[in-house]
C-alpha cells in the first residue's frame, strides 16, 4: 500500500506541476479563456451559467463522431452501465487523444468502479490538456481524500476553488477536508 501511495504522490506532484506551468498565455485568449476570466469575477448565479458554458465548450471535440461517443458514454454512465461508459469513452480517447472531456468522464467512471489508479491516470491526462478543468481538479481532490491523502486533496480542491470560486461541491468538500486537517474552513 505504501508503494501505491508513493506512486500516487508522484503522479499528483507531476499533475500539479503541469497545472501550475501550463496556464494559458493571456495574449492568446479564445472564447474559453474569456469565460474563465469571467468565472472568477461574477456572482454565484452568473458563475453557474458561465461554468455551464465552459462545460459545453469542453464537450465539443470538433468531431461529430467523437461528440457522439462522448454522449453515449454519458448516457451509459447515467444508466449505471459503467463498463459500457468506459468502452465508449475509451473509443473517443483512442480516436481523439486530445479530447480532455472524454478523459475526464472516463476518470469519473473509473472512480465509480473503484479503479482509483486508472482514474488518477485519466485525471492527470485531463489536467495536462486543460489545466483549468475545475471538475477534474475537484475529482482529484475527492479521489485523494478517498485514499486518505487529505493534505494533497486540499491542494487540488484549493486549485479548483481558485478557478471556480462558486463551485458548490468544491466548497463543501474543501471544508470537510480542511476540518479533517484541523484547518480553517472557507
Protein backbone atom coordinates (compact mmCIF):
# COMPACT_ATOMS: atom_id res chain seq x y z
CA UNK A 1 0.00 0.00 0.00
CA UNK A 2 2.91 2.37 0.73
CA UNK A 3 4.24 1.80 -2.78
CA UNK A 4 0.83 2.74 -4.19
CA UNK A 5 0.73 5.92 -2.09
CA UNK A 6 4.27 6.85 -3.22
CA UNK A 7 3.26 6.25 -6.84
CA UNK A 8 0.10 8.33 -6.44
CA UNK A 9 2.11 11.10 -4.76
CA UNK A 10 4.50 11.22 -7.74
CA UNK A 11 1.59 11.37 -10.18
CA UNK A 12 -0.07 14.13 -8.15
CA UNK A 13 3.16 16.13 -7.97
CA UNK A 14 3.58 15.84 -11.73
CA UNK A 15 -0.08 16.78 -12.29
CA UNK A 16 0.16 19.84 -10.07
CA UNK A 17 3.35 20.91 -11.85
CA UNK A 18 1.53 20.63 -15.17
CA UNK A 19 -1.31 22.74 -13.78
CA UNK A 20 1.00 25.45 -12.46
CA UNK A 21 3.24 25.66 -15.53
CA UNK A 22 0.60 25.17 -18.23
CA UNK A 23 -1.66 28.13 -17.65
CA UNK A 24 -2.61 29.78 -20.92
CA UNK A 25 -0.84 32.88 -22.17
CA UNK A 26 -3.10 35.93 -21.71
CA UNK A 27 -2.41 37.33 -25.19
CA UNK A 28 -3.84 34.25 -26.92
CA UNK A 29 -7.31 34.29 -25.40
CA UNK A 30 -10.13 32.40 -27.00
CA UNK A 31 -13.77 32.26 -26.04
CA UNK A 32 -12.92 29.70 -23.36
CA UNK A 33 -10.22 31.96 -21.94
CA UNK A 34 -12.71 34.84 -21.74
CA UNK A 35 -15.21 32.61 -19.93
CA UNK A 36 -12.58 31.63 -17.37
CA UNK A 37 -11.77 35.27 -16.69
CA UNK A 38 -15.47 35.99 -16.16
CA UNK A 39 -15.93 32.92 -13.97
CA UNK A 40 -13.68 34.29 -11.27
CA UNK A 41 -15.31 37.71 -11.24
CA UNK A 42 -19.07 37.12 -11.12
CA UNK A 43 -21.77 36.36 -8.56
CA UNK A 44 -22.75 32.72 -7.86
CA UNK A 45 -25.82 32.64 -10.13
CA UNK A 46 -23.87 34.05 -13.06
CA UNK A 47 -20.95 31.71 -12.27
CA UNK A 48 -23.24 28.68 -12.70
CA UNK A 49 -24.23 29.92 -16.17
CA UNK A 50 -20.64 30.61 -17.19
CA UNK A 51 -19.48 27.23 -15.82
CA UNK A 52 -22.21 25.56 -17.89
CA UNK A 53 -20.90 27.38 -20.98
CA UNK A 54 -17.37 26.23 -20.21
CA UNK A 55 -18.58 22.64 -19.77
CA UNK A 56 -20.43 22.89 -23.09
CA UNK A 57 -17.21 24.04 -24.79
CA UNK A 58 -15.34 21.13 -23.19
CA UNK A 59 -17.92 18.69 -24.58
CA UNK A 60 -17.17 19.77 -28.17
CA UNK A 61 -14.33 17.81 -29.69
CA UNK A 62 -14.60 19.27 -33.17
CA UNK A 63 -15.75 15.89 -34.49
CA UNK A 64 -19.38 14.82 -34.63
CA UNK A 65 -18.34 11.18 -34.21
CA UNK A 66 -16.30 11.91 -31.06
CA UNK A 67 -19.08 14.06 -29.66
CA UNK A 68 -21.46 11.14 -30.24
CA UNK A 69 -19.12 8.76 -28.40
CA UNK A 70 -18.95 11.22 -25.51
CA UNK A 71 -22.76 11.43 -25.35
CA UNK A 72 -23.03 7.64 -25.48
CA UNK A 73 -20.52 7.41 -22.65
CA UNK A 74 -22.51 9.95 -20.63
CA UNK A 75 -25.77 8.10 -21.32
CA UNK A 76 -24.26 4.75 -20.28
CA UNK A 77 -22.86 6.32 -17.12
CA UNK A 78 -26.22 7.85 -16.24
CA UNK A 79 -27.89 4.47 -16.87
CA UNK A 80 -25.42 2.87 -14.44
CA UNK A 81 -23.59 0.86 -17.08
CA UNK A 82 -20.06 1.85 -16.11
CA UNK A 83 -18.39 -0.79 -18.29
CA UNK A 84 -20.19 0.49 -21.39
CA UNK A 85 -19.40 4.10 -20.41
CA UNK A 86 -15.70 3.22 -20.19
CA UNK A 87 -15.92 1.45 -23.55
CA UNK A 88 -17.47 4.45 -25.35
CA UNK A 89 -15.14 6.93 -23.70
CA UNK A 90 -12.10 4.77 -24.44
CA UNK A 91 -13.10 4.71 -28.09
CA UNK A 92 -13.33 8.51 -28.09
CA UNK A 93 -9.90 8.75 -26.46
CA UNK A 94 -8.38 6.28 -28.91
CA UNK A 95 -9.55 8.38 -31.86
CA UNK A 96 -9.14 11.83 -30.27
CA UNK A 97 -6.42 11.63 -27.60
CA UNK A 98 -6.52 15.41 -27.04
CA UNK A 99 -10.24 15.39 -26.14
CA UNK A 100 -9.92 16.29 -22.45
CA UNK A 101 -13.58 15.81 -21.60
CA UNK A 102 -13.53 12.16 -22.72
CA UNK A 103 -10.57 11.60 -20.38
CA UNK A 104 -12.43 13.40 -17.60
CA UNK A 105 -15.63 11.40 -17.93
CA UNK A 106 -13.71 8.14 -18.15
CA UNK A 107 -11.88 9.08 -14.93
CA UNK A 108 -15.27 9.53 -13.25
CA UNK A 109 -16.41 6.12 -14.49
CA UNK A 110 -13.17 4.51 -13.25
CA UNK A 111 -13.64 6.21 -9.88
CA UNK A 112 -17.13 4.78 -9.56
CA UNK A 113 -15.71 1.36 -10.42
CA UNK A 114 -13.18 1.92 -7.58
CA UNK A 115 -10.33 1.69 -10.09
CA UNK A 116 -8.52 4.61 -8.49
CA UNK A 117 -5.18 4.21 -10.24
CA UNK A 118 -6.85 4.36 -13.65
CA UNK A 119 -8.98 7.32 -12.54
CA UNK A 120 -5.88 9.16 -11.37
CA UNK A 121 -4.09 8.45 -14.66
CA UNK A 122 -7.00 9.90 -16.63
CA UNK A 123 -7.21 12.97 -14.38
CA UNK A 124 -3.51 13.54 -14.96
CA UNK A 125 -4.14 13.50 -18.72
CA UNK A 126 -7.13 15.88 -18.41
CA UNK A 127 -5.03 18.38 -16.48
CA UNK A 128 -2.19 18.12 -18.98
CA UNK A 129 -4.66 19.02 -21.73
CA UNK A 130 -6.74 21.56 -19.79
CA UNK A 131 -5.10 22.70 -16.53
CA UNK A 132 -8.15 24.84 -15.66
CA UNK A 133 -10.53 21.86 -15.67
CA UNK A 134 -12.15 22.61 -12.32
CA UNK A 135 -14.24 19.43 -12.41
CA UNK A 136 -11.13 17.27 -12.88
CA UNK A 137 -9.39 19.12 -10.05
CA UNK A 138 -12.45 18.55 -7.89
CA UNK A 139 -12.40 14.86 -8.84
CA UNK A 140 -8.71 14.71 -7.98
CA UNK A 141 -9.49 16.17 -4.56
CA UNK A 142 -12.26 13.66 -3.94
CA UNK A 143 -10.05 10.78 -5.08
CA UNK A 144 -7.14 11.83 -2.89
CA UNK A 145 -9.45 12.23 0.08
CA UNK A 146 -10.88 8.77 -0.61
CA UNK A 147 -7.39 7.21 -0.47
CA UNK A 148 -6.66 9.05 2.79
CA UNK A 149 -4.46 11.82 1.41
CA UNK A 150 -6.29 14.87 2.83
CA UNK A 151 -3.38 17.30 2.53
CA UNK A 152 -2.99 16.56 -1.17
CA UNK A 153 -6.77 16.57 -1.58
CA UNK A 154 -6.90 20.04 -0.07
CA UNK A 155 -4.27 21.30 -2.55
CA UNK A 156 -6.29 20.05 -5.52
CA UNK A 157 -9.52 21.48 -4.10
CA UNK A 158 -7.89 24.85 -3.42
CA UNK A 159 -6.77 24.94 -7.05
CA UNK A 160 -10.30 24.13 -8.24
CA UNK A 161 -11.69 26.79 -5.90
CA UNK A 162 -9.25 29.39 -7.27
CA UNK A 163 -10.54 28.72 -10.79
CA UNK A 164 -14.24 28.40 -9.91
CA UNK A 165 -14.87 30.06 -6.53
CA UNK A 166 -18.61 29.33 -6.64
CA UNK A 167 -18.43 25.57 -7.38
CA UNK A 168 -20.67 24.28 -4.59
CA UNK A 169 -19.24 20.76 -4.39
CA UNK A 170 -15.69 22.10 -4.29
CA UNK A 171 -16.54 24.44 -1.42
CA UNK A 172 -18.32 21.74 0.57
CA UNK A 173 -15.60 19.13 0.04
CA UNK A 174 -12.85 21.65 0.77
CA UNK A 175 -14.48 22.48 4.11
CA UNK A 176 -14.75 18.78 5.00
CA UNK A 177 -11.12 18.08 4.08
CA UNK A 178 -9.94 21.20 5.92
CA UNK A 179 -11.76 20.05 9.07
CA UNK A 180 -10.00 16.68 8.81
CA UNK A 181 -6.69 18.51 8.70
CA UNK A 182 -7.68 20.75 11.62
CA UNK A 183 -7.59 23.85 9.46
CA UNK A 184 -9.94 26.71 8.99
CA UNK A 185 -12.86 26.42 6.61
CA UNK A 186 -13.61 28.86 3.83
